[in-house]
PDB file of N, CA and C in Angstrom:
ATOM      1  N   MET A   1      10.897  -4.010  -7.537  1.00  0.00           N
ATOM      2  CA  MET A   1      10.323  -2.619  -7.909  1.00  0.00           C
ATOM      3  C   MET A   1       9.058  -2.094  -7.922  1.00  0.00           C
ATOM      4  N   VAL A   2       8.556  -1.083  -6.882  1.00  0.00           N
ATOM      5  CA  VAL A   2       6.397  -1.467  -7.229  1.00  0.00           C
ATOM      6  C   VAL A   2       6.932   0.429  -7.630  1.00  0.00           C
ATOM      7  N   HIS A   3       6.327   0.250  -8.501  1.00  0.00           N
ATOM      8  CA  HIS A   3       6.261   2.287  -8.434  1.00  0.00           C
ATOM      9  C   HIS A   3       4.365   2.206  -8.011  1.00  0.00           C
ATOM     10  N   VAL A   4       4.507   3.304  -7.300  1.00  0.00           N
ATOM     11  CA  VAL A   4       2.791   4.127  -7.300  1.00  0.00           C
ATOM     12  C   VAL A   4       2.499   5.276  -7.506  1.00  0.00           C
ATOM     13  N   ASP A   5       1.077   5.236  -8.151  1.00  0.00           N
ATOM     14  CA  ASP A   5       0.951   6.900  -8.790  1.00  0.00           C
ATOM     15  C   ASP A   5       0.145   6.642  -8.014  1.00  0.00           C
ATOM     16  N   PRO A   6      -0.791   8.381  -8.503  1.00  0.00           N
ATOM     17  CA  PRO A   6       0.214   9.528  -8.799  1.00  0.00           C
ATOM     18  C   PRO A   6       1.559   9.621  -8.093  1.00  0.00           C
ATOM     19  N   VAL A   7       1.639   9.278  -6.700  1.00  0.00           N
ATOM     20  CA  VAL A   7       2.731  10.509  -6.001  1.00  0.00           C
ATOM     21  C   VAL A   7       4.122  10.321  -6.372  1.00  0.00           C
ATOM     22  N   ASP A   8       4.400   9.609  -7.909  1.00  0.00           N
ATOM     23  CA  ASP A   8       5.436   8.443  -8.358  1.00  0.00           C
ATOM     24  C   ASP A   8       6.474   8.046  -7.133  1.00  0.00           C
ATOM     25  N   ALA A   9       6.331   7.285  -7.111  1.00  0.00           N
ATOM     26  CA  ALA A   9       7.267   6.822  -5.576  1.00  0.00           C
ATOM     27  C   ALA A   9       7.996   5.712  -6.347  1.00  0.00           C
ATOM     28  N   GLU A  10       8.843   5.048  -6.096  1.00  0.00           N
ATOM     29  CA  GLU A  10       9.849   3.822  -6.106  1.00  0.00           C
ATOM     30  C   GLU A  10       9.958   3.083  -4.722  1.00  0.00           C
ATOM     31  N   LEU A  11       9.238   2.039  -4.867  1.00  0.00           N
ATOM     32  CA  LEU A  11       9.813   1.368  -3.469  1.00  0.00           C
ATOM     33  C   LEU A  11      10.325   0.002  -3.644  1.00  0.00           C
ATOM     34  N   GLU A  12      11.464  -0.204  -3.692  1.00  0.00           N
ATOM     35  CA  GLU A  12      11.816  -1.198  -2.840  1.00  0.00           C
ATOM     36  C   GLU A  12      11.721  -1.617  -2.149  1.00  0.00           C
ATOM     37  N   LEU A  13      11.099  -3.670  -2.238  1.00  0.00           N
ATOM     38  CA  LEU A  13      10.513  -3.670  -1.213  1.00  0.00           C
ATOM     39  C   LEU A  13      11.416  -4.633  -1.052  1.00  0.00           C
ATOM     40  N   GLU A  14      12.258  -4.954   0.717  1.00  0.00           N
ATOM     41  CA  GLU A  14      12.432  -5.971   0.919  1.00  0.00           C
ATOM     42  C   GLU A  14      12.206  -7.145   0.546  1.00  0.00           C
ATOM     43  N   PRO A  15      12.913  -8.364   0.805  1.00  0.00           N
ATOM     44  CA  PRO A  15      12.473  -9.606   1.411  1.00  0.00           C
ATOM     45  C   PRO A  15      11.168  -9.951   1.793  1.00  0.00           C
ATOM     46  N   ASP A  16      10.210 -10.406   1.322  1.00  0.00           N
ATOM     47  CA  ASP A  16       9.127 -11.109   2.479  1.00  0.00           C
ATOM     48  C   ASP A  16       8.514  -9.305   2.933  1.00  0.00           C
ATOM     49  N   GLU A  17       8.584  -8.545   1.965  1.00  0.00           N
ATOM     50  CA  GLU A  17       7.805  -6.662   2.956  1.00  0.00           C
ATOM     51  C   GLU A  17       6.758  -6.496   2.280  1.00  0.00           C
ATOM     52  N   THR A  18       5.831  -6.278   1.885  1.00  0.00           N
ATOM     53  CA  THR A  18       4.628  -5.884   1.609  1.00  0.00           C
ATOM     54  C   THR A  18       4.198  -4.077   1.060  1.00  0.00           C
ATOM     55  N   ILE A  19       3.526  -4.389   0.295  1.00  0.00           N
ATOM     56  CA  ILE A  19       4.595  -3.033  -0.396  1.00  0.00           C
ATOM     57  C   ILE A  19       3.973  -1.703   0.999  1.00  0.00           C
ATOM     58  N   ILE A  20       3.030  -1.987   1.739  1.00  0.00           N
ATOM     59  CA  ILE A  20       2.590  -0.355   3.098  1.00  0.00           C
ATOM     60  C   ILE A  20       4.205  -0.948   3.395  1.00  0.00           C
ATOM     61  N   GLU A  21       4.759  -1.576   4.099  1.00  0.00           N
ATOM     62  CA  GLU A  21       5.866  -1.808   4.862  1.00  0.00           C
ATOM     63  C   GLU A  21       6.510  -1.319   4.531  1.00  0.00           C
ATOM     64  N   ALA A  22       7.459  -1.242   2.909  1.00  0.00           N
ATOM     65  CA  ALA A  22       8.092  -0.793   1.787  1.00  0.00           C
ATOM     66  C   ALA A  22       8.269   0.593   2.473  1.00  0.00           C
ATOM     67  N   ALA A  23       7.185   1.387   1.695  1.00  0.00           N
ATOM     68  CA  ALA A  23       6.848   2.471   1.780  1.00  0.00           C
ATOM     69  C   ALA A  23       6.079   3.384   3.263  1.00  0.00           C
ATOM     70  N   TRP A  24       5.696   2.727   4.184  1.00  0.00           N
ATOM     71  CA  TRP A  24       6.320   3.308   5.912  1.00  0.00           C
ATOM     72  C   TRP A  24       8.030   3.073   5.631  1.00  0.00           C
ATOM     73  N   ARG A  25       8.938   2.222   5.213  1.00  0.00           N
ATOM     74  CA  ARG A  25      10.104   2.314   5.927  1.00  0.00           C
ATOM     75  C   ARG A  25      10.866   3.613   4.956  1.00  0.00           C
ATOM     76  N   LEU A  26      10.046   3.967   4.115  1.00  0.00           N
ATOM     77  CA  LEU A  26      11.063   4.582   3.480  1.00  0.00           C
ATOM     78  C   LEU A  26      11.089   6.388   3.011  1.00  0.00           C
ATOM     79  N   GLY A  27       9.774   6.582   4.799  1.00  0.00           N
ATOM     80  CA  GLY A  27       8.699   7.552   4.378  1.00  0.00           C
ATOM     81  C   GLY A  27       8.094   8.167   3.783  1.00  0.00           C
ATOM     82  N   TYR A  28       6.804   6.609   3.601  1.00  0.00           N
ATOM     83  CA  TYR A  28       5.763   7.582   3.011  1.00  0.00           C
ATOM     84  C   TYR A  28       5.066   7.603   3.811  1.00  0.00           C
ATOM     85  N   HIS A  29       3.263   8.810   3.439  1.00  0.00           N
ATOM     86  CA  HIS A  29       2.198   7.946   4.228  1.00  0.00           C
ATOM     87  C   HIS A  29       1.299   6.961   3.424  1.00  0.00           C
ATOM     88  N   TRP A  30       0.631   6.003   4.089  1.00  0.00           N
ATOM     89  CA  TRP A  30      -0.446   5.518   3.870  1.00  0.00           C
ATOM     90  C   TRP A  30      -1.575   5.386   4.149  1.00  0.00           C
ATOM     91  N   PRO A  31      -2.144   6.448   3.389  1.00  0.00           N
ATOM     92  CA  PRO A  31      -3.546   5.967   3.928  1.00  0.00           C
ATOM     93  C   PRO A  31      -3.965   4.431   4.402  1.00  0.00           C
ATOM     94  N   THR A  32      -4.004   4.533   5.862  1.00  0.00           N
ATOM     95  CA  THR A  32      -5.497   3.291   6.422  1.00  0.00           C
ATOM     96  C   THR A  32      -4.936   3.341   7.502  1.00  0.00           C
ATOM     97  N   THR A  33      -6.753   2.409   8.089  1.00  0.00           N
ATOM     98  CA  THR A  33      -7.627   2.572   9.686  1.00  0.00           C
ATOM     99  C   THR A  33      -6.742   1.559  10.401  1.00  0.00           C
ATOM    100  N   CYS A  34      -6.620   0.366   9.889  1.00  0.00           N
ATOM    101  CA  CYS A  34      -6.041  -0.870  10.937  1.00  0.00           C
ATOM    102  C   CYS A  34      -4.830  -1.168  11.131  1.00  0.00           C
ATOM    103  N   HIS A  35      -4.111  -0.482   9.966  1.00  0.00           N
ATOM    104  CA  HIS A  35      -2.252  -0.657   9.791  1.00  0.00           C
ATOM    105  C   HIS A  35      -2.038  -1.712   9.884  1.00  0.00           C
ATOM    106  N   GLY A  36      -2.198  -2.608   8.607  1.00  0.00           N
ATOM    107  CA  GLY A  36      -1.876  -3.348   8.111  1.00  0.00           C
ATOM    108  C   GLY A  36      -2.606  -4.470   9.109  1.00  0.00           C
ATOM    109  N   GLN A  37      -3.056  -4.593   9.562  1.00  0.00           N
ATOM    110  CA  GLN A  37      -4.284  -5.671   9.577  1.00  0.00           C
ATOM    111  C   GLN A  37      -4.858  -6.534   8.501  1.00  0.00           C
ATOM    112  N   ALA A  38      -5.856  -7.054   7.440  1.00  0.00           N
ATOM    113  CA  ALA A  38      -6.129  -6.248   6.370  1.00  0.00           C
ATOM    114  C   ALA A  38      -7.851  -6.565   7.122  1.00  0.00           C
ATOM    115  N   THR A  39      -7.887  -5.434   7.416  1.00  0.00           N
ATOM    116  CA  THR A  39      -9.540  -5.503   8.002  1.00  0.00           C
ATOM    117  C   THR A  39     -10.405  -4.236   7.456  1.00  0.00           C
ATOM    118  N   CYS A  40      -9.798  -2.948   7.115  1.00  0.00           N
ATOM    119  CA  CYS A  40     -10.233  -1.914   6.944  1.00  0.00           C
ATOM    120  C   CYS A  40     -10.406  -2.290   5.425  1.00  0.00           C
ATOM    121  N   THR A  41      -9.493  -2.285   5.369  1.00  0.00           N
ATOM    122  CA  THR A  41      -9.260  -1.846   3.025  1.00  0.00           C
ATOM    123  C   THR A  41      -8.808  -0.416   2.502  1.00  0.00           C
ATOM    124  N   VAL A  42      -8.793   0.150   3.702  1.00  0.00           N
ATOM    125  CA  VAL A  42      -8.564   1.661   3.244  1.00  0.00           C
ATOM    126  C   VAL A  42      -7.247   1.740   1.832  1.00  0.00           C
ATOM    127  N   CYS A  43      -6.348   0.645   2.589  1.00  0.00           N
ATOM    128  CA  CYS A  43      -4.684   0.150   2.229  1.00  0.00           C
ATOM    129  C   CYS A  43      -4.940   0.074   0.542  1.00  0.00           C
ATOM    130  N   HIS A  44      -6.047  -0.304  -0.086  1.00  0.00           N
ATOM    131  CA  HIS A  44      -6.235  -1.103  -1.131  1.00  0.00           C
ATOM    132  C   HIS A  44      -5.807  -0.579  -2.206  1.00  0.00           C
ATOM    133  N   VAL A  45      -4.843  -0.943  -3.598  1.00  0.00           N
ATOM    134  CA  VAL A  45      -4.393  -0.658  -4.244  1.00  0.00           C
ATOM    135  C   VAL A  45      -4.880  -1.039  -5.439  1.00  0.00           C
ATOM    136  N   GLU A  46      -4.901  -0.136  -6.525  1.00  0.00           N
ATOM    137  CA  GLU A  46      -5.338  -0.412  -8.673  1.00  0.00           C
ATOM    138  C   GLU A  46      -4.272  -1.094  -8.786  1.00  0.00           C
ATOM    139  N   VAL A  47      -3.927  -1.987  -9.310  1.00  0.00           N
ATOM    140  CA  VAL A  47      -2.667  -2.587 -10.472  1.00  0.00           C
ATOM    141  C   VAL A  47      -2.708  -2.836 -11.453  1.00  0.00           C
ATOM    142  N   LEU A  48      -1.682  -1.945 -12.034  1.00  0.00           N
ATOM    143  CA  LEU A  48      -1.637  -0.697 -13.094  1.00  0.00           C
ATOM    144  C   LEU A  48      -1.295  -2.257 -14.292  1.00  0.00           C
ATOM    145  N   SER A  49      -0.583  -2.788 -13.754  1.00  0.00           N
ATOM    146  CA  SER A  49       0.705  -3.393 -14.428  1.00  0.00           C
ATOM    147  C   SER A  49       1.674  -3.691 -13.557  1.00  0.00           C
ATOM    148  N   GLY A  50       2.533  -5.441 -14.131  1.00  0.00           N
ATOM    149  CA  GLY A  50       2.944  -6.162 -12.861  1.00  0.00           C
ATOM    150  C   GLY A  50       2.353  -7.676 -11.784  1.00  0.00           C
ATOM    151  N   ALA A  51       0.938  -7.953 -12.297  1.00  0.00           N
ATOM    152  CA  ALA A  51       0.393  -8.549 -11.739  1.00  0.00           C
ATOM    153  C   ALA A  51       0.811  -9.247 -11.240  1.00  0.00           C
ATOM    154  N   GLU A  52       1.642  -9.651 -12.550  1.00  0.00           N
ATOM    155  CA  GLU A  52       1.938 -11.238 -12.894  1.00  0.00           C
ATOM    156  C   GLU A  52       3.576 -11.089 -11.417  1.00  0.00           C
ATOM    157  N   HIS A  53       3.499 -10.533 -11.202  1.00  0.00           N
ATOM    158  CA  HIS A  53       5.591 -10.077 -10.517  1.00  0.00           C
ATOM    159  C   HIS A  53       4.064 -10.248  -9.017  1.00  0.00           C
ATOM    160  N   LEU A  54       3.281 -10.267  -8.097  1.00  0.00           N
ATOM    161  CA  LEU A  54       2.546  -9.509  -7.015  1.00  0.00           C
ATOM    162  C   LEU A  54       2.199 -10.953  -6.886  1.00  0.00           C
ATOM    163  N   VAL A  55       2.338 -11.753  -5.114  1.00  0.00           N
ATOM    164  CA  VAL A  55       2.573 -12.651  -5.204  1.00  0.00           C
ATOM    165  C   VAL A  55       1.049 -12.827  -5.326  1.00  0.00           C
ATOM    166  N   PRO A  56       0.503 -14.148  -4.763  1.00  0.00           N
ATOM    167  CA  PRO A  56      -0.878 -14.336  -4.660  1.00  0.00           C
ATOM    168  C   PRO A  56      -1.521 -13.896  -3.644  1.00  0.00           C
ATOM    169  N   PRO A  57      -2.507 -13.356  -4.365  1.00  0.00           N
ATOM    170  CA  PRO A  57      -3.278 -13.137  -2.740  1.00  0.00           C
ATOM    171  C   PRO A  57      -3.897 -14.705  -1.455  1.00  0.00           C
ATOM    172  N   ASP A  58      -3.456 -14.394  -0.541  1.00  0.00           N
ATOM    173  CA  ASP A  58      -4.362 -15.589   0.601  1.00  0.00           C
ATOM    174  C   ASP A  58      -5.593 -15.218   0.537  1.00  0.00           C
ATOM    175  N   ASP A  59      -6.254 -16.113   0.960  1.00  0.00           N
ATOM    176  CA  ASP A  59      -7.496 -16.829   1.691  1.00  0.00           C
ATOM    177  C   ASP A  59      -8.211 -15.104   2.292  1.00  0.00           C
ATOM    178  N   GLU A  60      -6.826 -15.185   3.277  1.00  0.00           N
ATOM    179  CA  GLU A  60      -7.180 -13.207   4.374  1.00  0.00           C
ATOM    180  C   GLU A  60      -8.007 -12.073   3.210  1.00  0.00           C
ATOM    181  N   GLU A  61      -7.075 -11.747   2.321  1.00  0.00           N
ATOM    182  CA  GLU A  61      -6.891 -11.214   1.515  1.00  0.00           C
ATOM    183  C   GLU A  61      -8.224 -10.881   0.680  1.00  0.00           C
ATOM    184  N   ARG A  62      -8.387 -11.843  -0.078  1.00  0.00           N
ATOM    185  CA  ARG A  62      -9.347 -12.827  -0.931  1.00  0.00           C
ATOM    186  C   ARG A  62     -10.959 -11.885  -0.112  1.00  0.00           C
ATOM    187  N   ASP A  63     -10.629 -12.357   1.101  1.00  0.00           N
ATOM    188  CA  ASP A  63     -12.075 -12.623   2.119  1.00  0.00           C
ATOM    189  C   ASP A  63     -11.966 -10.642   1.933  1.00  0.00           C
ATOM    190  N   ALA A  64     -11.354 -10.435   3.077  1.00  0.00           N
ATOM    191  CA  ALA A  64     -11.231  -8.657   2.648  1.00  0.00           C
ATOM    192  C   ALA A  64     -12.093  -8.377   1.123  1.00  0.00           C
ATOM    193  N   LEU A  65     -11.249  -8.059   0.575  1.00  0.00           N
ATOM    194  CA  LEU A  65     -11.707  -7.767  -0.830  1.00  0.00           C
ATOM    195  C   LEU A  65     -13.123  -8.147  -0.912  1.00  0.00           C
ATOM    196  N   GLU A  66     -13.623  -9.453  -0.998  1.00  0.00           N
ATOM    197  CA  GLU A  66     -14.892  -9.684  -1.560  1.00  0.00           C
ATOM    198  C   GLU A  66     -16.095  -8.475  -0.401  1.00  0.00           C
ATOM    199  N   THR A  67     -15.308  -9.330   1.207  1.00  0.00           N
ATOM    200  CA  THR A  67     -16.268  -9.090   1.713  1.00  0.00           C
ATOM    201  C   THR A  67     -15.982  -7.346   2.405  1.00  0.00           C
ATOM    202  N   ARG A  68     -14.939  -6.398   2.420  1.00  0.00           N
ATOM    203  CA  ARG A  68     -14.782  -5.334   2.921  1.00  0.00           C
ATOM    204  C   ARG A  68     -14.690  -4.394   2.212  1.00  0.00           C
ATOM    205  N   LEU A  69     -14.365  -4.011   0.701  1.00  0.00           N
ATOM    206  CA  LEU A  69     -13.926  -3.713   0.275  1.00  0.00           C
ATOM    207  C   LEU A  69     -14.993  -2.949  -0.670  1.00  0.00           C
ATOM    208  N   PRO A  70     -16.078  -1.493  -0.403  1.00  0.00           N
ATOM    209  CA  PRO A  70     -17.128  -1.048  -0.959  1.00  0.00           C
ATOM    210  C   PRO A  70     -16.690  -1.155  -1.671  1.00  0.00           C
ATOM    211  N   GLY A  71     -18.406  -1.441  -2.778  1.00  0.00           N
ATOM    212  CA  GLY A  71     -18.117  -1.355  -4.005  1.00  0.00           C
ATOM    213  C   GLY A  71     -17.993  -2.598  -4.791  1.00  0.00           C
ATOM    214  N   ALA A  72     -16.741  -4.146  -3.864  1.00  0.00           N
ATOM    215  CA  ALA A  72     -16.278  -4.680  -4.214  1.00  0.00           C
ATOM    216  C   ALA A  72     -17.542  -5.677  -5.312  1.00  0.00           C
ATOM    217  N   GLN A  73     -18.658  -5.533  -5.417  1.00  0.00           N
ATOM    218  CA  GLN A  73     -19.263  -6.567  -6.447  1.00  0.00           C
ATOM    219  C   GLN A  73     -19.201  -5.927  -8.139  1.00  0.00           C
ATOM    220  N   ARG A  74     -18.690  -4.349  -7.830  1.00  0.00           N
ATOM    221  CA  ARG A  74     -18.836  -3.993  -9.028  1.00  0.00           C
ATOM    222  C   ARG A  74     -17.699  -3.884  -9.509  1.00  0.00           C
ATOM    223  N   ARG A  75     -16.474  -4.529  -8.964  1.00  0.00           N
ATOM    224  CA  ARG A  75     -14.916  -3.927  -9.388  1.00  0.00           C
ATOM    225  C   ARG A  75     -14.584  -5.389 -10.056  1.00  0.00           C
ATOM    226  N   ASP A  76     -13.251  -5.005 -10.824  1.00  0.00           N
ATOM    227  CA  ASP A  76     -12.476  -5.903 -11.488  1.00  0.00           C
ATOM    228  C   ASP A  76     -11.425  -6.681  -9.926  1.00  0.00           C
ATOM    229  N   LEU A  77     -11.916  -7.609  -9.607  1.00  0.00           N
ATOM    230  CA  LEU A  77     -10.704  -7.501  -7.699  1.00  0.00           C
ATOM    231  C   LEU A  77      -9.705  -8.214  -8.732  1.00  0.00           C
ATOM    232  N   THR A  78      -9.694  -9.218  -9.604  1.00  0.00           N
ATOM    233  CA  THR A  78      -8.352  -9.168 -10.049  1.00  0.00           C
ATOM    234  C   THR A  78      -6.997  -8.337 -10.375  1.00  0.00           C
ATOM    235  N   ARG A  79      -7.432  -6.816  -9.930  1.00  0.00           N
ATOM    236  CA  ARG A  79      -7.335  -5.861 -10.309  1.00  0.00           C
ATOM    237  C   ARG A  79      -6.489  -5.052  -9.402  1.00  0.00           C
ATOM    238  N   ILE A  80      -7.156  -5.480  -8.191  1.00  0.00           N
ATOM    239  CA  ILE A  80      -7.060  -4.747  -6.388  1.00  0.00           C
ATOM    240  C   ILE A  80      -6.835  -5.558  -6.031  1.00  0.00           C
ATOM    241  N   ARG A  81      -5.735  -5.351  -4.780  1.00  0.00           N
ATOM    242  CA  ARG A  81      -4.908  -5.467  -3.891  1.00  0.00           C
ATOM    243  C   ARG A  81      -4.794  -5.086  -2.753  1.00  0.00           C
ATOM    244  N   LEU A  82      -4.597  -5.723  -1.087  1.00  0.00           N
ATOM    245  CA  LEU A  82      -4.747  -4.941  -0.785  1.00  0.00           C
ATOM    246  C   LEU A  82      -2.716  -4.540  -0.547  1.00  0.00           C
ATOM    247  N   ALA A  83      -2.271  -3.426  -0.127  1.00  0.00           N
ATOM    248  CA  ALA A  83      -0.973  -3.028   0.455  1.00  0.00           C
ATOM    249  C   ALA A  83      -0.289  -3.478   1.032  1.00  0.00           C
ATOM    250  N   CYS A  84      -0.643  -3.396   3.255  1.00  0.00           N
ATOM    251  CA  CYS A  84      -0.703  -4.691   3.913  1.00  0.00           C
ATOM    252  C   CYS A  84      -0.115  -6.395   3.670  1.00  0.00           C
ATOM    253  N   ARG A  85      -1.038  -6.066   2.469  1.00  0.00           N
ATOM    254  CA  ARG A  85      -0.592  -8.157   2.118  1.00  0.00           C
ATOM    255  C   ARG A  85      -0.016  -8.332   0.016  1.00  0.00           C
ATOM    256  N   ALA A  86      -0.141  -7.397   0.165  1.00  0.00           N
ATOM    257  CA  ALA A  86       0.547  -7.510  -1.360  1.00  0.00           C
ATOM    258  C   ALA A  86       2.124  -7.807  -1.184  1.00  0.00           C
ATOM    259  N   ARG A  87       2.846  -8.557  -1.471  1.00  0.00           N
ATOM    260  CA  ARG A  87       4.381  -8.790  -1.535  1.00  0.00           C
ATOM    261  C   ARG A  87       4.081  -8.661  -3.617  1.00  0.00           C
ATOM    262  N   ALA A  88       5.918  -7.980  -3.493  1.00  0.00           N
ATOM    263  CA  ALA A  88       6.639  -8.112  -5.303  1.00  0.00           C
ATOM    264  C   ALA A  88       7.544  -9.385  -4.753  1.00  0.00           C
ATOM    265  N   THR A  89       7.341  -9.783  -6.549  1.00  0.00           N
ATOM    266  CA  THR A  89       9.134 -11.090  -6.551  1.00  0.00           C
ATOM    267  C   THR A  89       9.036 -10.070  -7.661  1.00  0.00           C
ATOM    268  N   GLY A  90       9.390  -8.358  -8.652  1.00  0.00           N
ATOM    269  CA  GLY A  90       9.266  -7.975  -9.680  1.00  0.00           C
ATOM    270  C   GLY A  90       8.764  -7.319  -9.781  1.00  0.00           C
ATOM    271  N   ASP A  91       8.779  -6.191 -10.987  1.00  0.00           N
ATOM    272  CA  ASP A  91       8.092  -4.798 -11.145  1.00  0.00           C
ATOM    273  C   ASP A  91       7.139  -4.791 -11.270  1.00  0.00           C
ATOM    274  N   ALA A  92       6.361  -3.669 -10.377  1.00  0.00           N
ATOM    275  CA  ALA A  92       4.497  -3.967 -10.634  1.00  0.00           C
ATOM    276  C   ALA A  92       4.324  -1.955 -10.554  1.00  0.00           C
ATOM    277  N   VAL A  93       3.236  -1.554 -11.063  1.00  0.00           N
ATOM    278  CA  VAL A  93       3.365  -0.335 -11.269  1.00  0.00           C
ATOM    279  C   VAL A  93       1.639  -0.291 -10.093  1.00  0.00           C
ATOM    280  N   VAL A  94       0.842   0.504  -9.605  1.00  0.00           N
ATOM    281  CA  VAL A  94      -0.126   0.309  -8.591  1.00  0.00           C
ATOM    282  C   VAL A  94      -0.630   1.695  -8.603  1.00  0.00           C
ATOM    283  N   ARG A  95      -1.676   2.219  -7.753  1.00  0.00           N
ATOM    284  CA  ARG A  95      -2.746   3.500  -8.050  1.00  0.00           C
ATOM    285  C   ARG A  95      -3.225   3.170  -7.486  1.00  0.00           C
ATOM    286  N   LYS A  96      -2.217   4.327  -6.231  1.00  0.00           N
ATOM    287  CA  LYS A  96      -3.682   4.946  -4.163  1.00  0.00           C
ATOM    288  C   LYS A  96      -3.139   5.848  -4.047  1.00  0.00           C
ATOM    289  N   LYS A  97      -4.142   6.812  -4.405  1.00  0.00           N
ATOM    290  CA  LYS A  97      -3.838   8.559  -3.526  1.00  0.00           C
ATOM    291  C   LYS A  97      -4.207   8.148  -2.698  1.00  0.00           C
ATOM    292  N   GLY A  98      -3.455   9.799  -2.022  1.00  0.00           N
ATOM    293  CA  GLY A  98      -3.277  10.114  -0.491  1.00  0.00           C
ATOM    294  C   GLY A  98      -1.507   9.500  -0.224  1.00  0.00           C
ATOM    295  N   VAL A  99      -1.343   8.521  -0.979  1.00  0.00           N
ATOM    296  CA  VAL A  99       0.325   7.824  -0.430  1.00  0.00           C
ATOM    297  C   VAL A  99       0.604   9.909  -0.922  1.00  0.00           C
ATOM    298  N   ARG A 100       1.506   9.912   0.218  1.00  0.00           N
ATOM    299  CA  ARG A 100       2.457  11.253   0.151  1.00  0.00           C
ATOM    300  C   ARG A 100       3.722  10.996   0.807  1.00  0.00           C
ATOM    301  N   PRO A 101       5.079  11.976   0.963  1.00  0.00           N
ATOM    302  CA  PRO A 101       6.032  11.380   1.540  1.00  0.00           C
ATOM    303  C   PRO A 101       5.684  12.368   2.956  1.00  0.00           C
ATOM    304  N   THR A 102       6.003  11.552   4.069  1.00  0.00           N
ATOM    305  CA  THR A 102       5.947  12.441   5.596  1.00  0.00           C
ATOM    306  C   THR A 102       6.995  12.972   5.342  1.00  0.00           C
ATOM    307  N   GLN A 103       5.904  13.968   5.906  1.00  0.00           N
ATOM    308  CA  GLN A 103       7.269  15.147   6.461  1.00  0.00           C
ATOM    309  C   GLN A 103       7.013  15.279   7.871  1.00  0.00           C
ATOM    310  N   THR A 104       8.220  16.041   7.940  1.00  0.00           N
ATOM    311  CA  THR A 104       8.899  16.280   9.515  1.00  0.00           C
ATOM    312  C   THR A 104       9.068  17.476  10.125  1.00  0.00           C
ATOM    313  N   VAL A 105       8.662  18.289  10.926  1.00  0.00           N
ATOM    314  CA  VAL A 105       8.623  19.195  11.108  1.00  0.00           C
ATOM    315  C   VAL A 105       9.343  19.559  12.291  1.00  0.00           C
ATOM    316  N   PRO A 106      10.758  21.020  11.636  1.00  0.00           N
ATOM    317  CA  PRO A 106      11.524  20.797  13.253  1.00  0.00           C
ATOM    318  C   PRO A 106      10.750  21.518  13.743  1.00  0.00           C
ATOM    319  N   ILE A 107      11.706  20.973  15.524  1.00  0.00           N
ATOM    320  CA  ILE A 107      10.408  21.532  16.582  1.00  0.00           C
ATOM    321  C   ILE A 107      11.222  22.373  17.626  1.00  0.00           C
ATOM    322  N   PRO A 108      11.109  23.860  17.882  1.00  0.00           N
ATOM    323  CA  PRO A 108      11.924  24.868  17.612  1.00  0.00           C
ATOM    324  C   PRO A 108      12.378  23.920  19.615  1.00  0.00           C
ATOM    325  N   PRO A 109      13.003  24.501  19.588  1.00  0.00           N
ATOM    326  CA  PRO A 109      14.157  24.647  21.155  1.00  0.00           C
ATOM    327  C   PRO A 109      13.580  24.822  22.214  1.00  0.00           C
ATOM    328  N   THR A 110      13.298  23.895  23.818  1.00  0.00           N
ATOM    329  CA  THR A 110      12.192  25.194  24.767  1.00  0.00           C
ATOM    330  C   THR A 110      13.288  25.303  25.253  1.00  0.00           C
ATOM    331  N   GLY A 111      13.230  25.972  26.141  1.00  0.00           N
ATOM    332  CA  GLY A 111      13.302  26.380  27.651  1.00  0.00           C
ATOM    333  C   GLY A 111      14.308  27.565  27.035  1.00  0.00           C
ATOM    334  N   PRO A 112      15.184  28.983  28.477  1.00  0.00           N
ATOM    335  CA  PRO A 112      15.315  30.427  28.037  1.00  0.00           C
ATOM    336  C   PRO A 112      17.250  29.886  26.769  1.00  0.00           C
ATOM    337  N   LEU A 113      16.366  30.971  26.082  1.00  0.00           N
ATOM    338  CA  LEU A 113      16.666  31.372  25.047  1.00  0.00           C
ATOM    339  C   LEU A 113      18.499  31.743  25.427  1.00  0.00           C
TER     340      LEU A 113
END
């Protein structure tokens, strides 16, 4: 289970599913511009607890964080992960602003009433 602050979302990840994939499956909007390709780093999260329950970052994620994350030189990258790459094997708490439930708006019927 991954808890996402400040939206207070509880994400139950399927086996081999990333945090962002679970959020999308469960109906949450997650900020991104590359839609899970590990190129924009917009989806990055701050790991508040449970880092030991996240699968270690692969070379692609590490490279994206080190070279494309704004302000990377001033950040503790051991606490930052990309939601499009991070997979959980246990409980973790992350912080990501901008995550919200997807809202659906009913579309009125068209044609003669």
